[in-house]
Amino acid sequence: MKTIKFLSILVILLGFSQCGGSILVKKSTLKVEKAFYNKWFGGQPGVSGTKVEIHLKDASEVIFVALYFQGKRTKVEVSQMEKFTRVIAHFSTSKRKNRNLILDADMTKELENTLPSLEEFPFQLKENEAILSYKKENKTLYFKIENIKKVQSIAFPSMNKK
């Protein structure tokens, strides 16, 4: 009985500790000038990805962390342009994985293989929506970007062989 009581108190405390950890900002000082994404595919079979580009105004004093889009999360590249801040995220959708798996008759050697990530996607988003996470005043905030336009896909040809 004491174990059940202890576990229930522990679950409640952990639940409350998670409440203040992430804040979805309803009204942000960030203003989206333009947001678009495109699919790309490379010259090699199975090599592809998605590039998301967001142009923001009033993005001073903000450190951008990651972008959540179409069930994936990735770090962002940030560059300051003359009139806006450009945030770019690259998502790999490649079927080809360059995993160095160790397959051996001795199973102890296979323990060095890395396990796949089983991280759950924390947001319910439409196909053209994204969540941009950023830090401001030591708080991690989340900003929802809606109506991201899909632009024409890009095909990268394979390199010429000499």
N, C-alpha and C. Protein backbone atom coordinates (compact mmCIF):
# COMPACT_ATOMS: atom_id res chain seq x y z
N MET A 1 0.82 -1.19 0.00
CA MET A 1 0.00 0.00 0.00
C MET A 1 0.86 1.26 0.00
N LYS A 2 1.96 1.21 0.80
CA LYS A 2 2.86 2.36 0.85
C LYS A 2 3.52 2.60 -0.52
N THR A 3 3.80 1.51 -1.23
CA THR A 3 4.44 1.63 -2.54
C THR A 3 3.52 2.33 -3.53
N ILE A 4 2.25 1.99 -3.53
CA ILE A 4 1.29 2.62 -4.43
C ILE A 4 1.14 4.10 -4.11
N LYS A 5 1.08 4.43 -2.82
CA LYS A 5 0.96 5.82 -2.39
C LYS A 5 2.20 6.61 -2.81
N PHE A 6 3.37 6.03 -2.62
CA PHE A 6 4.61 6.69 -2.99
C PHE A 6 4.68 6.92 -4.51
N LEU A 7 4.31 5.90 -5.28
CA LEU A 7 4.35 6.02 -6.74
C LEU A 7 3.36 7.07 -7.24
N SER A 8 2.17 7.13 -6.66
CA SER A 8 1.19 8.11 -7.10
C SER A 8 1.66 9.54 -6.80
N ILE A 9 2.28 9.75 -5.64
CA ILE A 9 2.82 11.07 -5.30
C ILE A 9 3.95 11.44 -6.25
N LEU A 10 4.80 10.47 -6.57
CA LEU A 10 5.91 10.71 -7.49
C LEU A 10 5.41 11.09 -8.87
N VAL A 11 4.38 10.40 -9.36
CA VAL A 11 3.80 10.70 -10.68
C VAL A 11 3.21 12.11 -10.71
N ILE A 12 2.51 12.49 -9.65
CA ILE A 12 1.92 13.83 -9.58
C ILE A 12 2.99 14.90 -9.56
N LEU A 13 4.04 14.71 -8.78
CA LEU A 13 5.13 15.68 -8.72
C LEU A 13 5.84 15.82 -10.07
N LEU A 14 6.09 14.70 -10.74
CA LEU A 14 6.72 14.76 -12.05
C LEU A 14 5.82 15.44 -13.07
N GLY A 15 4.54 15.22 -12.97
CA GLY A 15 3.59 15.88 -13.88
C GLY A 15 3.62 17.38 -13.73
N PHE A 16 3.64 17.87 -12.48
CA PHE A 16 3.69 19.30 -12.25
C PHE A 16 5.03 19.90 -12.65
N SER A 17 6.10 19.17 -12.53
CA SER A 17 7.41 19.71 -12.90
C SER A 17 7.52 19.90 -14.40
N GLN A 18 6.75 19.15 -15.20
CA GLN A 18 6.79 19.28 -16.65
C GLN A 18 5.95 20.45 -17.14
N CYS A 19 5.03 20.95 -16.35
CA CYS A 19 4.12 22.01 -16.80
C CYS A 19 4.84 23.29 -17.16
N GLY A 20 5.83 23.70 -16.41
CA GLY A 20 6.51 24.95 -16.67
C GLY A 20 7.64 24.82 -17.66
N GLY A 21 7.93 23.63 -18.13
CA GLY A 21 9.08 23.42 -19.00
C GLY A 21 8.93 23.96 -20.40
N SER A 22 7.74 23.87 -20.98
CA SER A 22 7.57 24.33 -22.35
C SER A 22 6.37 25.26 -22.43
N ILE A 23 6.55 26.36 -23.15
CA ILE A 23 5.50 27.36 -23.26
C ILE A 23 5.25 27.62 -24.74
N LEU A 24 4.02 27.35 -25.19
CA LEU A 24 3.63 27.67 -26.55
C LEU A 24 3.11 29.10 -26.54
N VAL A 25 3.83 29.97 -27.22
CA VAL A 25 3.53 31.40 -27.20
C VAL A 25 2.37 31.68 -28.15
N LYS A 26 1.31 32.29 -27.62
CA LYS A 26 0.15 32.63 -28.44
C LYS A 26 0.41 33.94 -29.19
N LYS A 27 0.96 34.92 -28.49
CA LYS A 27 1.22 36.23 -29.08
C LYS A 27 2.71 36.51 -28.92
N SER A 28 3.44 36.44 -30.01
CA SER A 28 4.89 36.59 -29.95
C SER A 28 5.32 37.91 -30.57
N THR A 29 6.48 38.36 -30.16
CA THR A 29 7.06 39.56 -30.79
C THR A 29 7.64 39.21 -32.15
N LEU A 30 7.83 37.91 -32.42
CA LEU A 30 8.33 37.48 -33.72
C LEU A 30 7.23 37.65 -34.76
N LYS A 31 7.61 38.22 -35.90
CA LYS A 31 6.65 38.40 -36.99
C LYS A 31 7.17 37.67 -38.23
N VAL A 32 6.35 36.79 -38.76
CA VAL A 32 6.73 36.01 -39.93
C VAL A 32 6.49 36.84 -41.18
N GLU A 33 7.57 37.12 -41.90
CA GLU A 33 7.48 37.83 -43.18
C GLU A 33 7.11 36.86 -44.29
N LYS A 34 7.80 35.73 -44.30
CA LYS A 34 7.61 34.73 -45.35
C LYS A 34 8.03 33.39 -44.78
N ALA A 35 7.28 32.34 -45.14
CA ALA A 35 7.63 30.98 -44.71
C ALA A 35 7.29 30.03 -45.85
N PHE A 36 8.27 29.22 -46.26
CA PHE A 36 8.04 28.27 -47.34
C PHE A 36 8.91 27.05 -47.15
N TYR A 37 8.53 25.96 -47.84
CA TYR A 37 9.34 24.74 -47.80
C TYR A 37 9.31 24.10 -49.17
N ASN A 38 10.33 23.33 -49.44
CA ASN A 38 10.37 22.56 -50.68
C ASN A 38 11.05 21.23 -50.45
N LYS A 39 10.62 20.26 -51.22
CA LYS A 39 11.23 18.94 -51.20
C LYS A 39 12.38 18.97 -52.20
N TRP A 40 13.42 18.23 -51.91
CA TRP A 40 14.53 18.11 -52.86
C TRP A 40 14.94 16.65 -52.93
N PHE A 41 15.54 16.30 -54.04
CA PHE A 41 16.09 14.96 -54.17
C PHE A 41 17.38 15.04 -54.94
N GLY A 42 18.31 14.15 -54.57
CA GLY A 42 19.66 14.20 -55.11
C GLY A 42 19.84 13.31 -56.31
N GLY A 43 21.06 13.31 -56.81
CA GLY A 43 21.40 12.51 -57.98
C GLY A 43 21.51 11.03 -57.68
N GLN A 44 21.65 10.66 -56.44
CA GLN A 44 21.73 9.26 -56.04
C GLN A 44 20.33 8.76 -55.69
N PRO A 45 19.99 7.53 -56.04
CA PRO A 45 18.68 6.99 -55.67
C PRO A 45 18.50 6.95 -54.15
N GLY A 46 17.33 7.38 -53.70
CA GLY A 46 17.01 7.32 -52.28
C GLY A 46 17.50 8.49 -51.45
N VAL A 47 18.18 9.47 -52.06
CA VAL A 47 18.68 10.64 -51.33
C VAL A 47 17.69 11.79 -51.53
N SER A 48 17.09 12.25 -50.42
CA SER A 48 16.10 13.31 -50.51
C SER A 48 15.97 14.03 -49.18
N GLY A 49 15.22 15.11 -49.20
CA GLY A 49 15.01 15.87 -47.98
C GLY A 49 14.01 16.99 -48.17
N THR A 50 13.83 17.75 -47.11
CA THR A 50 12.94 18.91 -47.12
C THR A 50 13.69 20.08 -46.51
N LYS A 51 13.58 21.24 -47.16
CA LYS A 51 14.20 22.46 -46.65
C LYS A 51 13.08 23.43 -46.28
N VAL A 52 13.11 23.94 -45.06
CA VAL A 52 12.13 24.92 -44.59
C VAL A 52 12.87 26.23 -44.37
N GLU A 53 12.34 27.31 -44.93
CA GLU A 53 12.97 28.63 -44.76
C GLU A 53 11.92 29.60 -44.22
N ILE A 54 12.30 30.31 -43.16
CA ILE A 54 11.39 31.25 -42.50
C ILE A 54 12.10 32.59 -42.38
N HIS A 55 11.43 33.65 -42.81
CA HIS A 55 11.96 35.00 -42.68
C HIS A 55 11.18 35.70 -41.56
N LEU A 56 11.91 36.19 -40.56
CA LEU A 56 11.29 36.79 -39.37
C LEU A 56 11.74 38.23 -39.18
N LYS A 57 10.82 39.06 -38.72
CA LYS A 57 11.15 40.42 -38.30
C LYS A 57 11.12 40.45 -36.78
N ASP A 58 11.81 41.39 -36.21
CA ASP A 58 11.83 41.58 -34.75
C ASP A 58 12.31 40.34 -34.02
N ALA A 59 13.41 39.77 -34.48
CA ALA A 59 13.94 38.55 -33.87
C ALA A 59 15.20 38.82 -33.05
N SER A 60 15.36 40.05 -32.57
CA SER A 60 16.52 40.36 -31.76
C SER A 60 16.37 39.77 -30.37
N GLU A 61 17.47 39.53 -29.72
CA GLU A 61 17.53 38.98 -28.36
C GLU A 61 16.89 37.60 -28.26
N VAL A 62 16.92 36.85 -29.35
CA VAL A 62 16.35 35.51 -29.39
C VAL A 62 17.40 34.54 -29.90
N ILE A 63 17.50 33.39 -29.28
CA ILE A 63 18.39 32.33 -29.73
C ILE A 63 17.52 31.19 -30.23
N PHE A 64 17.58 30.93 -31.54
CA PHE A 64 16.76 29.89 -32.13
C PHE A 64 17.40 28.53 -31.90
N VAL A 65 16.58 27.54 -31.56
CA VAL A 65 17.07 26.23 -31.19
C VAL A 65 16.74 25.17 -32.23
N ALA A 66 15.45 24.97 -32.51
CA ALA A 66 15.05 23.86 -33.38
C ALA A 66 13.72 24.17 -34.06
N LEU A 67 13.44 23.37 -35.09
CA LEU A 67 12.16 23.48 -35.79
C LEU A 67 11.51 22.11 -35.82
N TYR A 68 10.23 22.06 -35.49
CA TYR A 68 9.43 20.84 -35.53
C TYR A 68 8.53 20.96 -36.76
N PHE A 69 8.63 19.98 -37.67
CA PHE A 69 7.88 20.08 -38.92
C PHE A 69 7.63 18.68 -39.47
N GLN A 70 6.39 18.41 -39.81
CA GLN A 70 5.98 17.14 -40.43
C GLN A 70 6.51 15.91 -39.68
N GLY A 71 6.36 15.94 -38.37
CA GLY A 71 6.73 14.80 -37.55
C GLY A 71 8.20 14.65 -37.25
N LYS A 72 9.01 15.66 -37.59
CA LYS A 72 10.45 15.59 -37.33
C LYS A 72 10.92 16.85 -36.62
N ARG A 73 12.10 16.73 -36.02
CA ARG A 73 12.73 17.86 -35.33
C ARG A 73 14.17 17.96 -35.80
N THR A 74 14.64 19.20 -36.01
CA THR A 74 16.04 19.40 -36.37
C THR A 74 16.51 20.77 -35.87
N LYS A 75 17.81 20.90 -35.74
CA LYS A 75 18.41 22.19 -35.38
C LYS A 75 18.26 23.13 -36.58
N VAL A 76 18.36 24.42 -36.31
CA VAL A 76 18.18 25.42 -37.36
C VAL A 76 19.46 26.20 -37.60
N GLU A 77 19.59 26.70 -38.82
CA GLU A 77 20.67 27.62 -39.18
C GLU A 77 20.07 29.02 -39.22
N VAL A 78 20.74 29.97 -38.60
CA VAL A 78 20.21 31.33 -38.53
C VAL A 78 21.21 32.28 -39.18
N SER A 79 20.70 33.16 -40.03
CA SER A 79 21.54 34.20 -40.62
C SER A 79 20.79 35.52 -40.59
N GLN A 80 21.52 36.57 -40.25
CA GLN A 80 20.92 37.89 -40.15
C GLN A 80 21.06 38.58 -41.50
N MET A 81 19.94 38.88 -42.13
CA MET A 81 19.92 39.60 -43.40
C MET A 81 19.70 41.08 -43.09
N GLU A 82 19.68 41.89 -44.13
CA GLU A 82 19.54 43.33 -43.93
C GLU A 82 18.22 43.72 -43.27
N LYS A 83 17.11 43.13 -43.74
CA LYS A 83 15.80 43.53 -43.24
C LYS A 83 15.08 42.45 -42.43
N PHE A 84 15.66 41.27 -42.32
CA PHE A 84 15.00 40.19 -41.61
C PHE A 84 16.01 39.17 -41.13
N THR A 85 15.55 38.26 -40.28
CA THR A 85 16.35 37.13 -39.82
C THR A 85 15.87 35.90 -40.58
N ARG A 86 16.82 35.17 -41.19
CA ARG A 86 16.46 33.98 -41.95
C ARG A 86 16.79 32.75 -41.12
N VAL A 87 15.78 31.89 -40.95
CA VAL A 87 15.93 30.63 -40.22
C VAL A 87 15.70 29.50 -41.22
N ILE A 88 16.68 28.60 -41.34
CA ILE A 88 16.60 27.49 -42.28
C ILE A 88 16.75 26.18 -41.53
N ALA A 89 15.89 25.22 -41.89
CA ALA A 89 15.96 23.88 -41.31
C ALA A 89 16.02 22.86 -42.44
N HIS A 90 16.90 21.88 -42.30
CA HIS A 90 17.05 20.82 -43.30
C HIS A 90 16.64 19.50 -42.66
N PHE A 91 15.67 18.85 -43.27
CA PHE A 91 15.18 17.55 -42.80
C PHE A 91 15.54 16.49 -43.83
N SER A 92 16.21 15.46 -43.41
CA SER A 92 16.55 14.36 -44.32
C SER A 92 15.40 13.37 -44.37
N THR A 93 15.03 13.02 -45.59
CA THR A 93 14.03 11.97 -45.78
C THR A 93 14.65 10.82 -46.59
N SER A 94 15.96 10.76 -46.59
CA SER A 94 16.68 9.76 -47.37
C SER A 94 16.38 8.36 -46.90
N LYS A 95 16.25 7.49 -47.86
CA LYS A 95 16.05 6.07 -47.56
C LYS A 95 17.39 5.39 -47.29
N ARG A 96 18.44 5.99 -47.81
CA ARG A 96 19.78 5.43 -47.63
C ARG A 96 20.33 5.91 -46.29
N LYS A 97 20.69 5.02 -45.46
CA LYS A 97 21.26 5.35 -44.16
C LYS A 97 22.71 4.86 -44.14
N ASN A 98 23.59 5.71 -43.71
CA ASN A 98 25.00 5.34 -43.62
C ASN A 98 25.28 4.90 -42.19
N ARG A 99 24.70 3.76 -41.83
CA ARG A 99 24.90 3.25 -40.48
C ARG A 99 25.99 2.19 -40.52
N ASN A 100 26.91 2.31 -39.65
CA ASN A 100 27.97 1.33 -39.52
C ASN A 100 27.56 0.31 -38.47
N LEU A 101 26.80 -0.67 -38.90
CA LEU A 101 26.37 -1.71 -37.98
C LEU A 101 27.46 -2.76 -37.82
N ILE A 102 27.62 -3.20 -36.61
CA ILE A 102 28.56 -4.28 -36.33
C ILE A 102 27.76 -5.56 -36.25
N LEU A 103 28.01 -6.45 -37.17
CA LEU A 103 27.37 -7.77 -37.17
C LEU A 103 28.48 -8.79 -36.99
N ASP A 104 28.37 -9.54 -35.90
CA ASP A 104 29.45 -10.47 -35.58
C ASP A 104 28.86 -11.70 -34.89
N ALA A 105 29.56 -12.79 -35.02
CA ALA A 105 29.14 -14.01 -34.33
C ALA A 105 29.24 -13.82 -32.82
N ASP A 106 30.18 -12.96 -32.39
CA ASP A 106 30.32 -12.63 -30.97
C ASP A 106 29.37 -11.48 -30.66
N MET A 107 28.27 -11.77 -29.96
CA MET A 107 27.24 -10.77 -29.70
C MET A 107 27.72 -9.60 -28.85
N THR A 108 28.77 -9.76 -28.08
CA THR A 108 29.25 -8.67 -27.24
C THR A 108 29.81 -7.53 -28.10
N LYS A 109 30.33 -7.85 -29.28
CA LYS A 109 30.82 -6.80 -30.19
C LYS A 109 29.66 -5.98 -30.75
N GLU A 110 28.49 -6.60 -30.89
CA GLU A 110 27.33 -5.90 -31.42
C GLU A 110 26.75 -4.90 -30.42
N LEU A 111 27.16 -4.96 -29.17
CA LEU A 111 26.68 -4.01 -28.17
C LEU A 111 27.14 -2.59 -28.46
N GLU A 112 28.14 -2.42 -29.31
CA GLU A 112 28.64 -1.09 -29.66
C GLU A 112 27.74 -0.38 -30.67
N ASN A 113 26.76 -1.08 -31.27
CA ASN A 113 25.82 -0.45 -32.20
C ASN A 113 24.98 0.58 -31.46
N THR A 114 24.69 1.70 -32.14
CA THR A 114 23.85 2.73 -31.53
C THR A 114 22.39 2.38 -31.77
N LEU A 115 21.58 2.66 -30.76
CA LEU A 115 20.16 2.38 -30.85
C LEU A 115 19.45 3.51 -31.58
N PRO A 116 18.39 3.22 -32.32
CA PRO A 116 17.64 4.29 -32.98
C PRO A 116 16.89 5.12 -31.95
N SER A 117 16.68 6.38 -32.28
CA SER A 117 15.96 7.28 -31.39
C SER A 117 14.47 6.97 -31.43
N LEU A 118 13.85 6.89 -30.27
CA LEU A 118 12.43 6.61 -30.17
C LEU A 118 11.69 7.81 -29.59
N GLU A 119 12.20 9.01 -29.86
CA GLU A 119 11.62 10.23 -29.33
C GLU A 119 10.24 10.48 -29.95
N GLU A 120 9.25 10.75 -29.11
CA GLU A 120 7.90 11.03 -29.59
C GLU A 120 7.81 12.47 -30.05
N PHE A 121 7.00 12.71 -31.06
CA PHE A 121 6.78 14.07 -31.56
C PHE A 121 5.80 14.78 -30.64
N PRO A 122 6.17 15.90 -30.04
CA PRO A 122 5.36 16.50 -28.97
C PRO A 122 4.19 17.37 -29.42
N PHE A 123 4.02 17.60 -30.74
CA PHE A 123 2.99 18.53 -31.20
C PHE A 123 2.07 17.89 -32.23
N GLN A 124 0.82 18.35 -32.27
CA GLN A 124 -0.13 17.96 -33.31
C GLN A 124 -0.12 19.08 -34.34
N LEU A 125 0.42 18.83 -35.53
CA LEU A 125 0.53 19.87 -36.54
C LEU A 125 -0.04 19.40 -37.87
N LYS A 126 -0.54 20.36 -38.65
CA LYS A 126 -0.94 20.09 -40.02
C LYS A 126 0.32 20.01 -40.87
N GLU A 127 0.16 19.57 -42.12
CA GLU A 127 1.33 19.41 -43.00
C GLU A 127 2.05 20.74 -43.26
N ASN A 128 1.32 21.85 -43.24
CA ASN A 128 1.92 23.15 -43.53
C ASN A 128 2.13 24.01 -42.28
N GLU A 129 2.27 23.37 -41.13
CA GLU A 129 2.52 24.08 -39.87
C GLU A 129 3.83 23.60 -39.26
N ALA A 130 4.46 24.51 -38.51
CA ALA A 130 5.71 24.17 -37.83
C ALA A 130 5.74 24.86 -36.48
N ILE A 131 6.57 24.34 -35.60
CA ILE A 131 6.83 24.96 -34.30
C ILE A 131 8.31 25.32 -34.25
N LEU A 132 8.58 26.57 -33.99
CA LEU A 132 9.95 27.06 -33.86
C LEU A 132 10.25 27.22 -32.38
N SER A 133 11.27 26.52 -31.89
CA SER A 133 11.64 26.67 -30.48
C SER A 133 12.81 27.66 -30.39
N TYR A 134 12.74 28.50 -29.37
CA TYR A 134 13.77 29.50 -29.17
C TYR A 134 13.92 29.81 -27.70
N LYS A 135 15.04 30.44 -27.37
CA LYS A 135 15.31 30.82 -25.98
C LYS A 135 15.30 32.33 -25.88
N LYS A 136 14.62 32.79 -24.85
CA LYS A 136 14.59 34.22 -24.56
C LYS A 136 14.58 34.37 -23.05
N GLU A 137 15.53 35.09 -22.54
CA GLU A 137 15.67 35.30 -21.09
C GLU A 137 15.71 33.97 -20.35
N ASN A 138 16.52 33.02 -20.83
CA ASN A 138 16.72 31.70 -20.22
C ASN A 138 15.46 30.84 -20.16
N LYS A 139 14.44 31.16 -20.95
CA LYS A 139 13.24 30.34 -21.05
C LYS A 139 13.15 29.79 -22.46
N THR A 140 12.77 28.52 -22.56
CA THR A 140 12.53 27.93 -23.87
C THR A 140 11.07 28.15 -24.23
N LEU A 141 10.86 28.82 -25.36
CA LEU A 141 9.52 29.14 -25.83
C LEU A 141 9.28 28.47 -27.18
N TYR A 142 8.02 28.26 -27.51
CA TYR A 142 7.64 27.61 -28.76
C TYR A 142 6.66 28.50 -29.50
N PHE A 143 6.95 28.76 -30.78
CA PHE A 143 6.14 29.65 -31.61
C PHE A 143 5.59 28.87 -32.79
N LYS A 144 4.27 28.87 -32.94
CA LYS A 144 3.64 28.12 -34.03
C LYS A 144 3.58 28.99 -35.29
N ILE A 145 4.05 28.41 -36.39
CA ILE A 145 4.02 29.09 -37.69
C ILE A 145 3.02 28.33 -38.56
N GLU A 146 2.03 29.05 -39.05
CA GLU A 146 0.97 28.43 -39.85
C GLU A 146 1.10 28.84 -41.31
N ASN A 147 0.42 28.11 -42.17
CA ASN A 147 0.33 28.41 -43.60
C ASN A 147 1.70 28.54 -44.27
N ILE A 148 2.56 27.59 -44.03
CA ILE A 148 3.87 27.56 -44.70
C ILE A 148 3.61 27.08 -46.13
N LYS A 149 4.05 27.86 -47.10
CA LYS A 149 3.77 27.54 -48.50
C LYS A 149 4.74 26.50 -49.02
N LYS A 150 4.19 25.57 -49.80
CA LYS A 150 5.02 24.57 -50.47
C LYS A 150 5.40 25.15 -51.83
N VAL A 151 6.70 25.19 -52.11
CA VAL A 151 7.18 25.69 -53.41
C VAL A 151 7.71 24.50 -54.21
N GLN A 152 8.10 24.78 -55.43
CA GLN A 152 8.51 23.73 -56.35
C GLN A 152 9.69 22.92 -55.82
N SER A 153 9.62 21.62 -56.03
CA SER A 153 10.70 20.71 -55.63
C SER A 153 11.94 20.98 -56.46
N ILE A 154 13.09 20.63 -55.91
CA ILE A 154 14.37 20.83 -56.59
C ILE A 154 15.03 19.48 -56.82
N ALA A 155 15.50 19.26 -58.03
CA ALA A 155 16.22 18.03 -58.36
C ALA A 155 17.69 18.39 -58.55
N PHE A 156 18.53 17.76 -57.78
CA PHE A 156 19.97 17.95 -57.93
C PHE A 156 20.51 16.83 -58.82
N PRO A 157 21.08 17.18 -59.97
CA PRO A 157 21.59 16.12 -60.85
C PRO A 157 22.83 15.47 -60.25
N SER A 158 23.09 14.23 -60.68
CA SER A 158 24.30 13.57 -60.21
C SER A 158 25.52 14.23 -60.84
N MET A 159 26.66 14.09 -60.20
CA MET A 159 27.89 14.72 -60.68
C MET A 159 28.36 14.05 -61.96
N ASN A 160 28.93 14.85 -62.84
CA ASN A 160 29.50 14.28 -64.07
C ASN A 160 30.76 13.51 -63.71
N LYS A 161 30.87 12.34 -64.29
CA LYS A 161 32.05 11.51 -64.05
C LYS A 161 33.05 11.75 -65.16
N LYS A 162 34.29 12.01 -64.82
CA LYS A 162 35.33 12.29 -65.82
C LYS A 162 36.17 11.07 -66.07
